N, C-alpha and C. Protein backbone atom coordinates (compact mmCIF):
# COMPACT_ATOMS: atom_id res chain seq x y z
N MET A 1 -87.00 -92.79 31.37
CA MET A 1 -87.27 -91.60 30.64
C MET A 1 -86.73 -92.44 29.38
N LYS A 2 -87.51 -91.82 28.47
CA LYS A 2 -87.53 -92.38 26.84
C LYS A 2 -86.15 -91.82 26.32
N LYS A 3 -85.86 -92.37 25.32
CA LYS A 3 -84.55 -91.66 24.50
C LYS A 3 -85.10 -91.50 23.40
N THR A 4 -84.52 -90.59 23.00
CA THR A 4 -85.02 -89.55 21.87
C THR A 4 -83.97 -90.01 20.80
N ASN A 5 -84.22 -90.58 19.38
CA ASN A 5 -83.22 -91.17 18.34
C ASN A 5 -83.07 -90.05 17.26
N LYS A 6 -81.98 -89.84 16.71
CA LYS A 6 -81.67 -89.14 15.57
C LYS A 6 -83.07 -89.04 14.60
N LYS A 7 -83.22 -90.10 14.23
CA LYS A 7 -84.41 -90.27 13.40
C LYS A 7 -85.78 -89.45 13.63
N SER A 8 -86.15 -89.84 14.85
CA SER A 8 -87.21 -89.46 15.47
C SER A 8 -87.06 -87.83 15.38
N LEU A 9 -86.08 -87.09 15.84
CA LEU A 9 -85.62 -85.74 15.73
C LEU A 9 -85.67 -85.36 14.26
N GLU A 10 -85.21 -85.92 13.51
CA GLU A 10 -85.18 -85.44 11.79
C GLU A 10 -86.55 -85.68 11.66
N GLU A 11 -87.53 -86.70 11.73
CA GLU A 11 -88.79 -86.57 11.15
C GLU A 11 -89.66 -85.39 12.10
N ALA A 12 -89.47 -84.92 13.25
CA ALA A 12 -90.12 -83.94 13.97
C ALA A 12 -89.74 -82.40 13.07
N ARG A 13 -88.40 -82.34 12.78
CA ARG A 13 -87.73 -81.25 12.31
C ARG A 13 -88.67 -81.17 11.05
N LYS A 14 -88.71 -82.39 10.15
CA LYS A 14 -89.31 -81.85 8.90
C LYS A 14 -90.62 -81.71 8.95
N ARG A 15 -91.29 -82.34 10.08
CA ARG A 15 -92.73 -82.14 10.15
C ARG A 15 -92.95 -80.68 10.29
N ASN A 16 -92.12 -80.09 11.07
CA ASN A 16 -92.46 -78.56 11.47
C ASN A 16 -92.11 -77.71 10.41
N HIS A 17 -91.14 -78.22 9.76
CA HIS A 17 -90.78 -77.15 8.48
C HIS A 17 -91.51 -77.48 7.38
N GLU A 18 -92.77 -78.59 7.15
CA GLU A 18 -93.71 -78.52 6.47
C GLU A 18 -94.34 -77.65 6.87
N GLY A 19 -95.09 -77.68 8.44
CA GLY A 19 -95.85 -76.94 8.82
C GLY A 19 -95.85 -75.60 8.43
N ASN A 20 -94.48 -75.19 8.97
CA ASN A 20 -93.85 -73.91 8.87
C ASN A 20 -94.25 -73.08 7.14
N MET A 21 -93.97 -74.15 6.30
CA MET A 21 -93.93 -73.82 4.88
C MET A 21 -95.53 -73.79 4.33
N LYS A 22 -96.32 -74.59 5.06
CA LYS A 22 -97.73 -74.31 4.52
C LYS A 22 -98.30 -73.03 5.47
N TYR A 23 -97.99 -72.73 6.15
CA TYR A 23 -98.32 -71.47 6.97
C TYR A 23 -97.90 -69.97 6.10
N ILE A 24 -97.11 -70.30 5.79
CA ILE A 24 -96.31 -69.26 5.01
C ILE A 24 -96.87 -69.09 3.75
N GLU A 25 -97.14 -70.14 3.08
CA GLU A 25 -98.17 -70.38 1.77
C GLU A 25 -99.49 -69.69 2.00
N GLN A 26 -99.93 -69.85 2.95
CA GLN A 26 -101.17 -69.71 3.22
C GLN A 26 -101.40 -68.28 3.51
N TYR A 27 -100.43 -67.78 4.12
CA TYR A 27 -100.27 -66.27 4.84
C TYR A 27 -99.98 -65.41 3.62
N VAL A 28 -99.09 -65.56 2.77
CA VAL A 28 -98.96 -64.95 1.52
C VAL A 28 -100.27 -64.79 0.50
N GLU A 29 -100.63 -66.15 0.39
CA GLU A 29 -102.08 -66.10 -0.25
C GLU A 29 -103.16 -64.81 0.47
N TRP A 30 -103.00 -64.96 1.55
CA TRP A 30 -104.30 -63.76 2.32
C TRP A 30 -103.44 -62.84 2.03
N LEU A 31 -102.32 -62.52 2.04
CA LEU A 31 -101.63 -61.20 1.78
C LEU A 31 -102.44 -60.65 0.53
N LYS A 32 -101.68 -61.55 -0.76
CA LYS A 32 -102.16 -61.22 -2.03
C LYS A 32 -103.51 -60.97 -2.18
N LYS A 33 -104.42 -61.38 -1.42
CA LYS A 33 -106.07 -60.78 -1.49
C LYS A 33 -106.59 -59.88 -1.00
N THR A 34 -105.52 -59.47 0.07
CA THR A 34 -106.35 -58.64 1.36
C THR A 34 -106.03 -57.50 0.82
N PRO A 35 -106.60 -56.03 0.92
CA PRO A 35 -106.09 -54.82 0.68
C PRO A 35 -104.89 -54.19 1.98
N ASN A 36 -104.12 -54.02 1.24
CA ASN A 36 -103.00 -53.07 1.97
C ASN A 36 -103.42 -52.40 3.47
N SER A 37 -104.72 -51.63 3.07
CA SER A 37 -105.07 -51.30 4.38
C SER A 37 -105.73 -52.06 5.22
N VAL A 38 -106.35 -53.08 5.24
CA VAL A 38 -106.47 -54.22 6.24
C VAL A 38 -105.51 -54.74 6.84
N TRP A 39 -104.51 -55.49 6.17
CA TRP A 39 -103.00 -56.01 6.55
C TRP A 39 -102.46 -55.19 7.30
N SER A 40 -102.07 -53.72 6.87
CA SER A 40 -100.97 -52.89 7.41
C SER A 40 -101.50 -52.49 8.69
N LYS A 41 -102.97 -52.20 8.63
CA LYS A 41 -103.69 -51.90 10.29
C LYS A 41 -103.40 -53.00 11.14
N GLN A 42 -103.60 -54.45 10.85
CA GLN A 42 -103.12 -55.55 11.57
C GLN A 42 -102.10 -55.44 12.05
N GLN A 43 -100.82 -55.16 11.18
CA GLN A 43 -99.45 -55.37 11.52
C GLN A 43 -99.40 -54.02 12.53
N ALA A 44 -99.71 -52.85 12.34
CA ALA A 44 -99.73 -51.68 13.07
C ALA A 44 -100.18 -52.31 14.55
N GLU A 45 -101.36 -52.64 14.80
CA GLU A 45 -101.96 -53.11 16.03
C GLU A 45 -100.83 -54.20 16.64
N PHE A 46 -100.28 -54.73 15.77
CA PHE A 46 -99.41 -55.93 16.72
C PHE A 46 -98.02 -55.32 17.08
N ILE A 47 -97.87 -54.53 16.16
CA ILE A 47 -96.23 -53.91 16.72
C ILE A 47 -96.92 -52.80 17.82
N ASP A 48 -97.85 -52.38 17.80
CA ASP A 48 -98.25 -51.54 18.88
C ASP A 48 -98.58 -51.95 20.10
N SER A 49 -98.88 -53.40 20.15
CA SER A 49 -99.38 -54.10 21.13
C SER A 49 -97.76 -54.92 21.67
N VAL A 50 -96.69 -55.04 20.89
CA VAL A 50 -95.45 -55.69 21.38
C VAL A 50 -95.04 -54.61 21.94
N MET A 51 -94.73 -53.18 21.53
CA MET A 51 -94.21 -52.30 21.90
C MET A 51 -95.02 -51.89 23.39
N LYS A 52 -96.10 -51.94 23.24
CA LYS A 52 -96.66 -51.47 24.71
C LYS A 52 -96.11 -52.59 26.00
N SER A 53 -96.36 -53.62 25.57
CA SER A 53 -95.75 -54.60 26.60
C SER A 53 -94.35 -54.78 26.85
N ALA A 54 -93.62 -54.44 25.86
CA ALA A 54 -92.04 -54.27 26.16
C ALA A 54 -91.94 -52.98 27.11
N ASN A 55 -92.74 -51.92 27.02
CA ASN A 55 -92.71 -50.88 27.86
C ASN A 55 -92.92 -50.97 29.32
N MET A 56 -94.17 -51.65 29.32
CA MET A 56 -94.61 -52.22 30.75
C MET A 56 -93.59 -53.35 30.99
N ASP A 57 -93.03 -54.14 30.35
CA ASP A 57 -91.99 -54.86 30.95
C ASP A 57 -90.59 -54.28 31.58
N LYS A 58 -90.10 -53.12 30.82
CA LYS A 58 -89.53 -52.64 31.53
C LYS A 58 -89.73 -51.46 32.53
N GLU A 59 -90.96 -51.19 33.00
CA GLU A 59 -91.48 -50.44 33.89
C GLU A 59 -91.57 -51.76 35.25
N LEU A 60 -92.05 -52.67 34.96
CA LEU A 60 -91.74 -53.63 36.27
C LEU A 60 -90.61 -54.17 36.48
N TYR A 61 -89.69 -54.23 35.22
CA TYR A 61 -88.26 -54.37 35.66
C TYR A 61 -87.63 -53.54 36.78
N MET A 62 -87.64 -52.14 36.30
CA MET A 62 -87.48 -51.30 37.20
C MET A 62 -87.90 -51.35 38.49
N LYS A 63 -89.32 -51.52 39.01
CA LYS A 63 -90.03 -51.61 39.85
C LYS A 63 -89.25 -52.76 40.62
N ILE A 64 -89.20 -53.80 40.17
CA ILE A 64 -88.84 -54.87 40.87
C ILE A 64 -87.15 -54.20 41.41
N LYS A 65 -86.14 -53.63 40.84
CA LYS A 65 -85.06 -53.68 40.67
C LYS A 65 -84.86 -52.27 41.98
N GLY A 66 -85.98 -51.72 42.13
CA GLY A 66 -85.75 -50.81 43.19
C GLY A 66 -85.37 -49.42 42.39
N MET A 67 -85.50 -49.40 41.40
CA MET A 67 -84.95 -48.12 40.66
C MET A 67 -86.14 -47.15 40.34
N LYS A 68 -87.33 -47.92 40.53
CA LYS A 68 -88.33 -46.48 40.45
C LYS A 68 -89.59 -46.82 41.33
N LYS A 69 -89.78 -45.90 41.83
CA LYS A 69 -90.74 -46.14 43.06
C LYS A 69 -92.51 -46.08 42.58
C-alpha cells in the first residue's frame, strides 16, 4: 500500500480549494446574470426533491424497523 505524505495531502487540499473557489465564482456570475425567477425556481425544485427523498427515506426506515406496515 502506498503511503500518503503530508506534502501530497496539502497539494490535494490546495487543488480542491482552488476548484471549489472557481466553481463558486462561476456560480456567482451565473446568479448575477440570471433572473431571480429562473434560479429561484431551480432552488425550489432542488429543495423539494431533497425533502421528498428525505421523506421517502423516513418511510423506508420505518418499514425496515417494523414500525409501519
